[in-house]
N, C-alpha and C. Protein backbone atom coordinates (compact mmCIF):
# COMPACT_ATOMS: atom_id res chain seq x y z
N MET A 1 66.06 -154.73 -40.75
CA MET A 1 66.34 -155.15 -42.11
C MET A 1 65.20 -154.75 -43.05
N LYS A 2 63.96 -154.88 -42.56
CA LYS A 2 62.82 -154.51 -43.37
C LYS A 2 62.88 -153.03 -43.77
N THR A 3 63.24 -152.16 -42.80
CA THR A 3 63.36 -150.73 -43.08
C THR A 3 64.45 -150.47 -44.11
N PHE A 4 65.57 -151.16 -43.98
CA PHE A 4 66.66 -150.98 -44.93
C PHE A 4 66.22 -151.37 -46.34
N LEU A 5 65.52 -152.49 -46.49
CA LEU A 5 65.06 -152.92 -47.81
C LEU A 5 64.06 -151.92 -48.37
N HIS A 6 63.18 -151.41 -47.52
CA HIS A 6 62.24 -150.39 -47.97
C HIS A 6 62.99 -149.16 -48.47
N ASN A 7 64.00 -148.70 -47.70
CA ASN A 7 64.78 -147.53 -48.11
C ASN A 7 65.54 -147.79 -49.40
N LEU A 8 66.06 -148.98 -49.57
CA LEU A 8 66.77 -149.33 -50.79
C LEU A 8 65.81 -149.26 -51.98
N PHE A 9 64.60 -149.77 -51.80
CA PHE A 9 63.58 -149.72 -52.84
C PHE A 9 63.26 -148.26 -53.19
N VAL A 10 63.12 -147.40 -52.17
CA VAL A 10 62.86 -145.98 -52.40
C VAL A 10 64.03 -145.34 -53.14
N LEU A 11 65.25 -145.71 -52.77
CA LEU A 11 66.43 -145.19 -53.45
C LEU A 11 66.40 -145.52 -54.93
N ILE A 12 66.08 -146.74 -55.25
CA ILE A 12 66.05 -147.16 -56.65
C ILE A 12 64.96 -146.40 -57.41
N LEU A 13 63.80 -146.21 -56.78
CA LEU A 13 62.69 -145.55 -57.45
C LEU A 13 62.81 -144.02 -57.50
N LEU A 14 63.21 -143.42 -56.40
CA LEU A 14 63.12 -141.96 -56.31
C LEU A 14 64.45 -141.24 -56.24
N GLY A 15 65.55 -141.94 -56.11
CA GLY A 15 66.84 -141.29 -56.13
C GLY A 15 67.45 -141.13 -54.76
N PRO A 16 68.73 -140.80 -54.71
CA PRO A 16 69.48 -140.76 -53.46
C PRO A 16 69.03 -139.70 -52.48
N LEU A 17 68.54 -138.56 -52.93
CA LEU A 17 68.15 -137.52 -51.98
C LEU A 17 66.97 -137.96 -51.13
N THR A 18 66.05 -138.73 -51.72
CA THR A 18 64.90 -139.22 -50.96
C THR A 18 65.36 -140.14 -49.85
N LEU A 19 66.29 -141.03 -50.15
CA LEU A 19 66.78 -141.96 -49.13
C LEU A 19 67.48 -141.21 -48.02
N VAL A 20 68.23 -140.19 -48.36
CA VAL A 20 68.92 -139.42 -47.33
C VAL A 20 67.90 -138.79 -46.39
N SER A 21 66.85 -138.19 -46.94
CA SER A 21 65.88 -137.53 -46.08
C SER A 21 65.08 -138.54 -45.26
N ILE A 22 64.77 -139.71 -45.81
CA ILE A 22 64.06 -140.73 -45.04
C ILE A 22 64.94 -141.23 -43.91
N ALA A 23 66.19 -141.54 -44.24
CA ALA A 23 67.09 -142.07 -43.22
C ALA A 23 67.40 -141.04 -42.16
N ALA A 24 67.47 -139.77 -42.54
CA ALA A 24 67.78 -138.72 -41.57
C ALA A 24 66.68 -138.58 -40.53
N GLU A 25 65.45 -138.95 -40.90
CA GLU A 25 64.33 -138.81 -39.98
C GLU A 25 64.20 -140.01 -39.04
N GLN A 26 64.92 -141.11 -39.30
CA GLN A 26 64.82 -142.28 -38.45
C GLN A 26 65.50 -142.02 -37.11
N ASP A 27 64.91 -142.51 -36.04
CA ASP A 27 65.49 -142.34 -34.72
C ASP A 27 66.39 -143.52 -34.44
N SER A 28 67.67 -143.28 -34.22
CA SER A 28 68.61 -144.36 -33.99
C SER A 28 69.78 -143.84 -33.18
N SER A 29 70.36 -144.73 -32.37
CA SER A 29 71.55 -144.34 -31.62
C SER A 29 72.79 -144.38 -32.50
N LEU A 30 72.71 -145.10 -33.61
CA LEU A 30 73.83 -145.14 -34.55
C LEU A 30 73.72 -143.95 -35.50
N THR A 31 74.85 -143.54 -36.05
CA THR A 31 74.78 -142.51 -37.08
C THR A 31 74.15 -143.14 -38.31
N ILE A 32 73.64 -142.32 -39.18
CA ILE A 32 72.97 -142.82 -40.38
C ILE A 32 73.94 -143.63 -41.22
N ALA A 33 75.17 -143.15 -41.37
CA ALA A 33 76.16 -143.87 -42.17
C ALA A 33 76.50 -145.22 -41.55
N GLN A 34 76.50 -145.32 -40.20
CA GLN A 34 76.77 -146.60 -39.56
C GLN A 34 75.61 -147.55 -39.75
N GLU A 35 74.39 -147.04 -39.64
CA GLU A 35 73.22 -147.88 -39.80
C GLU A 35 73.06 -148.34 -41.24
N HIS A 36 73.39 -147.47 -42.17
CA HIS A 36 73.27 -147.77 -43.59
C HIS A 36 74.57 -147.37 -44.28
N PRO A 37 75.54 -148.27 -44.34
CA PRO A 37 76.84 -147.90 -44.92
C PRO A 37 76.73 -147.30 -46.33
N SER A 38 75.70 -147.68 -47.08
CA SER A 38 75.55 -147.12 -48.42
C SER A 38 75.27 -145.62 -48.37
N LEU A 39 74.77 -145.11 -47.23
CA LEU A 39 74.52 -143.68 -47.12
C LEU A 39 75.81 -142.88 -47.11
N ALA A 40 76.89 -143.46 -46.62
CA ALA A 40 78.17 -142.76 -46.65
C ALA A 40 78.51 -142.40 -48.10
N ALA A 41 78.25 -143.33 -49.02
CA ALA A 41 78.50 -143.06 -50.43
C ALA A 41 77.54 -142.01 -50.96
N VAL A 42 76.29 -142.04 -50.50
CA VAL A 42 75.32 -141.03 -50.93
C VAL A 42 75.75 -139.65 -50.45
N TYR A 43 76.15 -139.54 -49.18
CA TYR A 43 76.63 -138.25 -48.66
C TYR A 43 77.86 -137.79 -49.43
N ARG A 44 78.77 -138.70 -49.74
CA ARG A 44 79.97 -138.34 -50.50
C ARG A 44 79.57 -137.78 -51.86
N ASP A 45 78.64 -138.45 -52.53
CA ASP A 45 78.18 -137.97 -53.84
C ASP A 45 77.52 -136.60 -53.73
N GLU A 46 76.72 -136.39 -52.68
CA GLU A 46 76.07 -135.09 -52.49
C GLU A 46 77.10 -134.00 -52.25
N LYS A 47 78.18 -134.33 -51.55
CA LYS A 47 79.25 -133.35 -51.31
C LYS A 47 79.94 -132.98 -52.62
N ILE A 48 80.15 -133.97 -53.48
CA ILE A 48 80.76 -133.70 -54.79
C ILE A 48 79.84 -132.81 -55.61
N VAL A 49 78.54 -133.12 -55.60
CA VAL A 49 77.56 -132.30 -56.32
C VAL A 49 77.57 -130.88 -55.77
N PHE A 50 77.63 -130.73 -54.45
CA PHE A 50 77.62 -129.41 -53.84
C PHE A 50 78.85 -128.60 -54.26
N SER A 51 80.01 -129.23 -54.28
CA SER A 51 81.22 -128.54 -54.70
C SER A 51 81.13 -128.15 -56.17
N SER A 52 80.66 -129.06 -57.01
CA SER A 52 80.52 -128.78 -58.44
C SER A 52 79.51 -127.67 -58.70
N PHE A 53 78.44 -127.65 -57.92
CA PHE A 53 77.44 -126.59 -58.04
C PHE A 53 78.10 -125.24 -57.78
N GLY A 54 78.90 -125.15 -56.73
CA GLY A 54 79.60 -123.90 -56.43
C GLY A 54 80.52 -123.47 -57.55
N VAL A 55 81.26 -124.41 -58.11
CA VAL A 55 82.15 -124.10 -59.24
C VAL A 55 81.32 -123.57 -60.41
N GLY A 56 80.20 -124.22 -60.68
CA GLY A 56 79.33 -123.78 -61.77
C GLY A 56 78.81 -122.36 -61.57
N MET A 57 78.39 -122.06 -60.34
CA MET A 57 77.94 -120.69 -60.05
C MET A 57 79.07 -119.70 -60.23
N ALA A 58 80.25 -120.05 -59.71
CA ALA A 58 81.40 -119.16 -59.84
C ALA A 58 81.74 -118.92 -61.31
N GLU A 59 81.67 -119.97 -62.12
CA GLU A 59 81.93 -119.83 -63.57
C GLU A 59 80.92 -118.88 -64.20
N GLY A 60 79.66 -119.02 -63.81
CA GLY A 60 78.62 -118.15 -64.36
C GLY A 60 78.85 -116.70 -63.99
N PHE A 61 79.18 -116.45 -62.72
CA PHE A 61 79.46 -115.08 -62.29
C PHE A 61 80.67 -114.52 -63.04
N ARG A 62 81.72 -115.32 -63.17
CA ARG A 62 82.94 -114.86 -63.85
C ARG A 62 82.66 -114.51 -65.30
N ALA A 63 81.85 -115.32 -65.95
CA ALA A 63 81.57 -115.10 -67.37
C ALA A 63 80.72 -113.85 -67.60
N ASN A 64 79.94 -113.45 -66.61
CA ASN A 64 79.02 -112.35 -66.79
C ASN A 64 79.46 -111.03 -66.17
N GLU A 65 80.55 -111.03 -65.44
CA GLU A 65 81.00 -109.82 -64.76
C GLU A 65 82.50 -109.64 -64.97
N LYS A 66 82.92 -108.40 -65.05
CA LYS A 66 84.36 -108.11 -65.10
C LYS A 66 84.92 -108.16 -63.69
N PRO A 67 86.18 -108.57 -63.56
CA PRO A 67 86.78 -108.58 -62.22
C PRO A 67 86.84 -107.17 -61.63
N SER A 68 86.67 -107.08 -60.32
CA SER A 68 86.78 -105.80 -59.66
C SER A 68 88.22 -105.53 -59.23
N LYS A 69 89.04 -106.58 -59.18
CA LYS A 69 90.43 -106.41 -58.78
C LYS A 69 91.27 -107.49 -59.48
N VAL A 70 92.41 -107.09 -60.02
CA VAL A 70 93.35 -108.02 -60.65
C VAL A 70 94.72 -107.74 -60.07
N SER A 71 95.42 -108.79 -59.66
CA SER A 71 96.80 -108.62 -59.19
C SER A 71 97.66 -109.69 -59.82
N GLU A 72 98.84 -109.29 -60.24
CA GLU A 72 99.77 -110.22 -60.87
C GLU A 72 100.93 -110.50 -59.95
N GLN A 73 101.30 -111.76 -59.88
CA GLN A 73 102.48 -112.17 -59.14
C GLN A 73 103.44 -112.80 -60.15
N GLU A 74 104.53 -113.33 -59.65
CA GLU A 74 105.55 -113.84 -60.56
C GLU A 74 105.01 -114.92 -61.50
N TYR A 75 104.23 -115.88 -60.96
CA TYR A 75 103.77 -117.00 -61.78
C TYR A 75 102.26 -117.07 -61.94
N ALA A 76 101.52 -116.20 -61.28
CA ALA A 76 100.07 -116.31 -61.30
C ALA A 76 99.40 -114.95 -61.41
N ILE A 77 98.17 -114.98 -61.87
CA ILE A 77 97.31 -113.81 -61.91
C ILE A 77 96.11 -114.12 -61.01
N HIS A 78 95.77 -113.20 -60.12
CA HIS A 78 94.62 -113.36 -59.23
C HIS A 78 93.55 -112.35 -59.62
N TRP A 79 92.32 -112.83 -59.72
CA TRP A 79 91.18 -111.97 -59.97
C TRP A 79 90.23 -112.07 -58.80
N SER A 80 89.49 -111.01 -58.58
CA SER A 80 88.42 -111.10 -57.59
C SER A 80 87.23 -110.28 -58.09
N GLN A 81 86.06 -110.72 -57.69
CA GLN A 81 84.83 -110.02 -57.99
C GLN A 81 84.07 -109.89 -56.68
N ALA A 82 83.52 -108.72 -56.44
CA ALA A 82 82.69 -108.52 -55.25
C ALA A 82 81.47 -107.71 -55.68
N ARG A 83 80.33 -108.29 -55.49
CA ARG A 83 79.06 -107.66 -55.81
C ARG A 83 78.10 -107.92 -54.65
N PRO A 84 77.02 -107.19 -54.56
CA PRO A 84 76.05 -107.50 -53.51
C PRO A 84 75.58 -108.95 -53.64
N GLY A 85 75.72 -109.71 -52.58
CA GLY A 85 75.26 -111.09 -52.58
C GLY A 85 76.31 -112.14 -52.85
N TYR A 86 77.49 -111.73 -53.36
CA TYR A 86 78.54 -112.71 -53.59
C TYR A 86 79.91 -112.06 -53.73
N SER A 87 80.94 -112.87 -53.50
CA SER A 87 82.31 -112.48 -53.81
C SER A 87 83.06 -113.74 -54.24
N ILE A 88 83.98 -113.57 -55.19
CA ILE A 88 84.70 -114.71 -55.77
C ILE A 88 86.17 -114.34 -55.94
N GLU A 89 87.04 -115.32 -55.77
CA GLU A 89 88.47 -115.17 -56.09
C GLU A 89 88.86 -116.25 -57.08
N TRP A 90 89.68 -115.86 -58.06
CA TRP A 90 90.16 -116.75 -59.12
C TRP A 90 91.66 -116.68 -59.21
N VAL A 91 92.26 -117.71 -59.80
CA VAL A 91 93.69 -117.70 -60.07
C VAL A 91 93.93 -118.37 -61.43
N ALA A 92 94.99 -117.93 -62.09
CA ALA A 92 95.42 -118.54 -63.36
C ALA A 92 96.93 -118.46 -63.44
N ALA A 93 97.51 -119.46 -64.09
CA ALA A 93 98.94 -119.41 -64.35
C ALA A 93 99.20 -118.26 -65.32
N LYS A 94 100.28 -117.53 -65.13
CA LYS A 94 100.57 -116.37 -65.97
C LYS A 94 100.74 -116.78 -67.43
N LYS A 95 101.27 -117.97 -67.66
CA LYS A 95 101.47 -118.41 -69.05
C LYS A 95 100.17 -118.91 -69.68
N GLU A 96 99.11 -119.11 -68.87
CA GLU A 96 97.79 -119.53 -69.39
C GLU A 96 96.70 -118.68 -68.73
N PRO A 97 96.65 -117.38 -69.01
CA PRO A 97 95.72 -116.50 -68.30
C PRO A 97 94.25 -116.78 -68.56
N ASN A 98 93.92 -117.48 -69.62
CA ASN A 98 92.52 -117.79 -69.92
C ASN A 98 92.04 -119.08 -69.25
N THR A 99 92.93 -119.79 -68.58
CA THR A 99 92.57 -121.01 -67.87
C THR A 99 92.50 -120.70 -66.39
N THR A 100 91.35 -120.19 -65.97
CA THR A 100 91.19 -119.77 -64.58
C THR A 100 90.63 -120.90 -63.73
N THR A 101 90.93 -120.84 -62.45
CA THR A 101 90.45 -121.80 -61.48
C THR A 101 89.89 -121.03 -60.29
N PRO A 102 88.67 -121.38 -59.84
CA PRO A 102 88.15 -120.66 -58.68
C PRO A 102 88.92 -121.04 -57.42
N VAL A 103 89.16 -120.05 -56.57
CA VAL A 103 89.84 -120.28 -55.29
C VAL A 103 88.80 -120.31 -54.17
N SER A 104 87.92 -119.31 -54.16
CA SER A 104 86.88 -119.27 -53.14
C SER A 104 85.70 -118.44 -53.63
N MET A 105 84.55 -118.69 -53.01
CA MET A 105 83.35 -117.91 -53.30
C MET A 105 82.49 -117.87 -52.05
N LYS A 106 81.93 -116.69 -51.78
CA LYS A 106 80.96 -116.52 -50.69
C LYS A 106 79.64 -116.07 -51.31
N LEU A 107 78.57 -116.73 -50.89
CA LEU A 107 77.23 -116.32 -51.30
C LEU A 107 76.47 -115.86 -50.07
N THR A 108 75.84 -114.71 -50.18
CA THR A 108 75.03 -114.18 -49.07
C THR A 108 73.66 -113.73 -49.54
N GLN A 109 73.37 -113.84 -50.82
CA GLN A 109 72.12 -113.35 -51.38
C GLN A 109 70.93 -114.15 -50.85
N VAL A 110 70.09 -113.50 -50.06
CA VAL A 110 68.91 -114.16 -49.50
C VAL A 110 68.04 -114.66 -50.64
N GLY A 111 67.57 -115.89 -50.51
CA GLY A 111 66.72 -116.49 -51.52
C GLY A 111 67.46 -117.37 -52.50
N THR A 112 68.80 -117.36 -52.47
CA THR A 112 69.57 -118.23 -53.36
C THR A 112 69.28 -119.67 -53.01
N ILE A 113 68.90 -120.45 -54.01
CA ILE A 113 68.57 -121.86 -53.80
C ILE A 113 69.79 -122.70 -54.17
N LEU A 114 70.21 -123.52 -53.22
CA LEU A 114 71.37 -124.38 -53.38
C LEU A 114 70.90 -125.82 -53.57
N PRO A 115 71.79 -126.75 -53.90
CA PRO A 115 71.37 -128.16 -54.02
C PRO A 115 70.63 -128.63 -52.77
N GLY A 116 69.68 -129.53 -52.96
CA GLY A 116 68.90 -130.07 -51.85
C GLY A 116 67.88 -129.08 -51.32
N LYS A 117 67.55 -128.07 -52.11
CA LYS A 117 66.58 -127.04 -51.73
C LYS A 117 66.99 -126.28 -50.47
N ILE A 118 68.29 -126.15 -50.26
CA ILE A 118 68.81 -125.32 -49.17
C ILE A 118 68.74 -123.88 -49.66
N ILE A 119 68.14 -123.00 -48.84
CA ILE A 119 67.91 -121.62 -49.27
C ILE A 119 68.56 -120.66 -48.28
N ILE A 120 69.40 -119.76 -48.81
CA ILE A 120 70.03 -118.75 -47.96
C ILE A 120 68.93 -117.83 -47.44
N GLY A 121 68.95 -117.61 -46.14
CA GLY A 121 67.95 -116.75 -45.51
C GLY A 121 66.73 -117.51 -45.02
N LYS A 122 66.67 -118.81 -45.27
CA LYS A 122 65.50 -119.59 -44.85
C LYS A 122 65.87 -120.90 -44.16
N SER A 123 66.83 -121.63 -44.72
CA SER A 123 67.16 -122.97 -44.21
C SER A 123 67.95 -122.92 -42.92
N GLY A 124 67.81 -123.97 -42.13
CA GLY A 124 68.59 -124.13 -40.90
C GLY A 124 69.62 -125.23 -41.07
N SER A 125 70.36 -125.49 -40.01
CA SER A 125 71.42 -126.49 -40.07
C SER A 125 70.87 -127.90 -40.30
N ALA A 126 69.65 -128.18 -39.88
CA ALA A 126 69.08 -129.52 -40.07
C ALA A 126 68.96 -129.86 -41.56
N GLU A 127 68.58 -128.88 -42.38
CA GLU A 127 68.48 -129.14 -43.82
C GLU A 127 69.84 -129.44 -44.42
N VAL A 128 70.86 -128.73 -43.95
CA VAL A 128 72.21 -128.94 -44.46
C VAL A 128 72.72 -130.33 -44.07
N THR A 129 72.56 -130.69 -42.79
CA THR A 129 73.05 -132.01 -42.35
C THR A 129 72.22 -133.14 -42.95
N ARG A 130 70.96 -132.90 -43.24
CA ARG A 130 70.14 -133.92 -43.90
C ARG A 130 70.70 -134.22 -45.29
N LEU A 131 71.19 -133.19 -45.96
CA LEU A 131 71.73 -133.36 -47.31
C LEU A 131 73.15 -133.91 -47.30
N LEU A 132 74.02 -133.34 -46.44
CA LEU A 132 75.45 -133.65 -46.51
C LEU A 132 75.96 -134.55 -45.38
N GLY A 133 75.10 -134.90 -44.42
CA GLY A 133 75.52 -135.77 -43.33
C GLY A 133 76.16 -134.99 -42.19
N LYS A 134 76.82 -135.71 -41.32
CA LYS A 134 77.46 -135.11 -40.15
C LYS A 134 78.60 -134.19 -40.61
N PRO A 135 78.63 -132.96 -40.07
CA PRO A 135 79.70 -132.03 -40.46
C PRO A 135 81.07 -132.51 -39.99
N ASP A 136 82.11 -132.09 -40.68
CA ASP A 136 83.47 -132.39 -40.25
C ASP A 136 83.86 -131.53 -39.05
N THR A 137 83.34 -130.31 -38.99
CA THR A 137 83.57 -129.41 -37.86
C THR A 137 82.27 -128.67 -37.60
N MET A 138 81.94 -128.54 -36.32
CA MET A 138 80.74 -127.80 -35.96
C MET A 138 81.10 -126.77 -34.89
N GLU A 139 80.79 -125.52 -35.17
CA GLU A 139 81.02 -124.43 -34.24
C GLU A 139 79.67 -123.83 -33.88
N ARG A 140 79.68 -122.82 -33.04
CA ARG A 140 78.42 -122.24 -32.58
C ARG A 140 77.54 -121.76 -33.74
N SER A 141 78.11 -121.03 -34.67
CA SER A 141 77.30 -120.47 -35.76
C SER A 141 77.74 -120.96 -37.14
N ARG A 142 78.64 -121.94 -37.18
CA ARG A 142 79.13 -122.44 -38.48
C ARG A 142 79.23 -123.96 -38.47
N ILE A 143 78.96 -124.54 -39.62
CA ILE A 143 79.28 -125.96 -39.82
C ILE A 143 80.14 -126.05 -41.07
N ILE A 144 81.12 -126.95 -40.99
CA ILE A 144 82.13 -127.05 -42.04
C ILE A 144 82.18 -128.48 -42.56
N TYR A 145 82.22 -128.60 -43.89
CA TYR A 145 82.33 -129.90 -44.55
C TYR A 145 83.57 -129.90 -45.44
N PHE A 146 84.24 -131.02 -45.47
CA PHE A 146 85.29 -131.25 -46.45
C PHE A 146 84.64 -131.97 -47.62
N LEU A 147 84.78 -131.41 -48.80
CA LEU A 147 84.13 -131.94 -49.99
C LEU A 147 85.18 -132.64 -50.85
N PRO A 148 84.97 -133.93 -51.15
CA PRO A 148 85.99 -134.68 -51.90
C PRO A 148 86.25 -134.08 -53.28
N ASN A 149 87.51 -134.04 -53.63
CA ASN A 149 87.97 -133.54 -54.93
C ASN A 149 89.09 -134.48 -55.35
N HIS A 150 89.30 -134.65 -56.63
CA HIS A 150 90.32 -135.60 -57.08
C HIS A 150 91.74 -135.18 -56.69
N LEU A 151 91.98 -133.89 -56.44
CA LEU A 151 93.32 -133.43 -56.04
C LEU A 151 93.47 -133.34 -54.53
N GLY A 152 92.44 -132.89 -53.86
CA GLY A 152 92.43 -132.69 -52.41
C GLY A 152 91.06 -132.19 -52.02
N ASP A 153 90.80 -132.10 -50.74
CA ASP A 153 89.46 -131.72 -50.31
C ASP A 153 89.18 -130.23 -50.52
N ASP A 154 87.98 -129.95 -51.03
CA ASP A 154 87.44 -128.61 -51.05
C ASP A 154 86.76 -128.42 -49.69
N VAL A 155 86.38 -127.20 -49.37
CA VAL A 155 85.74 -126.92 -48.08
C VAL A 155 84.47 -126.11 -48.33
N ALA A 156 83.40 -126.45 -47.61
CA ALA A 156 82.18 -125.65 -47.61
C ALA A 156 81.91 -125.22 -46.18
N ILE A 157 81.74 -123.92 -45.98
CA ILE A 157 81.48 -123.36 -44.66
C ILE A 157 80.10 -122.71 -44.68
N PHE A 158 79.22 -123.24 -43.85
CA PHE A 158 77.86 -122.71 -43.73
C PHE A 158 77.80 -121.86 -42.47
N THR A 159 77.40 -120.60 -42.61
CA THR A 159 77.30 -119.69 -41.46
C THR A 159 75.83 -119.39 -41.19
N PHE A 160 75.47 -119.45 -39.90
CA PHE A 160 74.08 -119.26 -39.48
C PHE A 160 73.99 -118.08 -38.51
N ASN A 161 72.87 -117.38 -38.57
CA ASN A 161 72.57 -116.32 -37.61
C ASN A 161 71.17 -116.61 -37.09
N LYS A 162 71.06 -116.80 -35.78
CA LYS A 162 69.79 -117.16 -35.15
C LYS A 162 69.19 -118.40 -35.80
N GLY A 163 70.05 -119.36 -36.15
CA GLY A 163 69.61 -120.64 -36.69
C GLY A 163 69.29 -120.66 -38.16
N VAL A 164 69.46 -119.53 -38.85
CA VAL A 164 69.13 -119.44 -40.27
C VAL A 164 70.41 -119.25 -41.08
N LEU A 165 70.51 -119.97 -42.20
CA LEU A 165 71.68 -119.87 -43.07
C LEU A 165 71.79 -118.46 -43.65
N THR A 166 72.94 -117.82 -43.41
CA THR A 166 73.16 -116.46 -43.92
C THR A 166 74.29 -116.39 -44.94
N GLU A 167 75.18 -117.40 -44.95
CA GLU A 167 76.32 -117.36 -45.87
C GLU A 167 76.82 -118.77 -46.11
N ILE A 168 77.22 -119.02 -47.33
CA ILE A 168 77.92 -120.26 -47.68
C ILE A 168 79.21 -119.85 -48.37
N GLU A 169 80.30 -120.44 -47.92
CA GLU A 169 81.60 -120.15 -48.53
C GLU A 169 82.20 -121.45 -49.04
N TRP A 170 82.62 -121.43 -50.28
CA TRP A 170 83.38 -122.54 -50.85
C TRP A 170 84.84 -122.14 -50.89
N GLN A 171 85.72 -123.06 -50.50
CA GLN A 171 87.16 -122.89 -50.67
C GLN A 171 87.64 -124.11 -51.44
N TRP A 172 88.06 -123.90 -52.68
CA TRP A 172 88.44 -125.00 -53.54
C TRP A 172 89.93 -125.30 -53.44
N PHE A 173 90.25 -126.58 -53.46
CA PHE A 173 91.64 -127.01 -53.39
C PHE A 173 92.35 -126.60 -54.67
N ASN A 174 93.50 -125.98 -54.51
CA ASN A 174 94.35 -125.59 -55.65
C ASN A 174 95.77 -125.95 -55.32
N GLU A 175 96.49 -126.41 -56.33
CA GLU A 175 97.90 -126.74 -56.12
C GLU A 175 98.75 -125.49 -56.16
């Protein structure tokens, strides 16, 4: 209980990321969210921030670059951009072509700094799980998180090579 009160005090003073990193370092047979139910909410908030960060980056890339490929279907227009270090896909309703929504984005640019000081080409899976909690799916070289969205879950896929983050892919929920 004393540790929990100390962590709560740190949370109030220094913010949720500090509490996540302190709690992640504690040795316990329980998961962090079980030991501190309030951390489940912190991880959820961090996942929302991570998804929003990706959308913001995708918006910035879209605003500064012309699409490399455009395809029209009966009701939608699809755009894609592919440049060294990233690729993005967008969609818009044909009747509202200026209202685009990101579908997916991959970042591979070494040195890109993501929320929680996660860095492509430097960070390992421990930094990712410290920020976002236990992954929804864990494979040999990938960890996958479902990121809460008001319509449905977005997905973040972290790919590692020799223990180092090499790619992050966002897949955003679209109706």
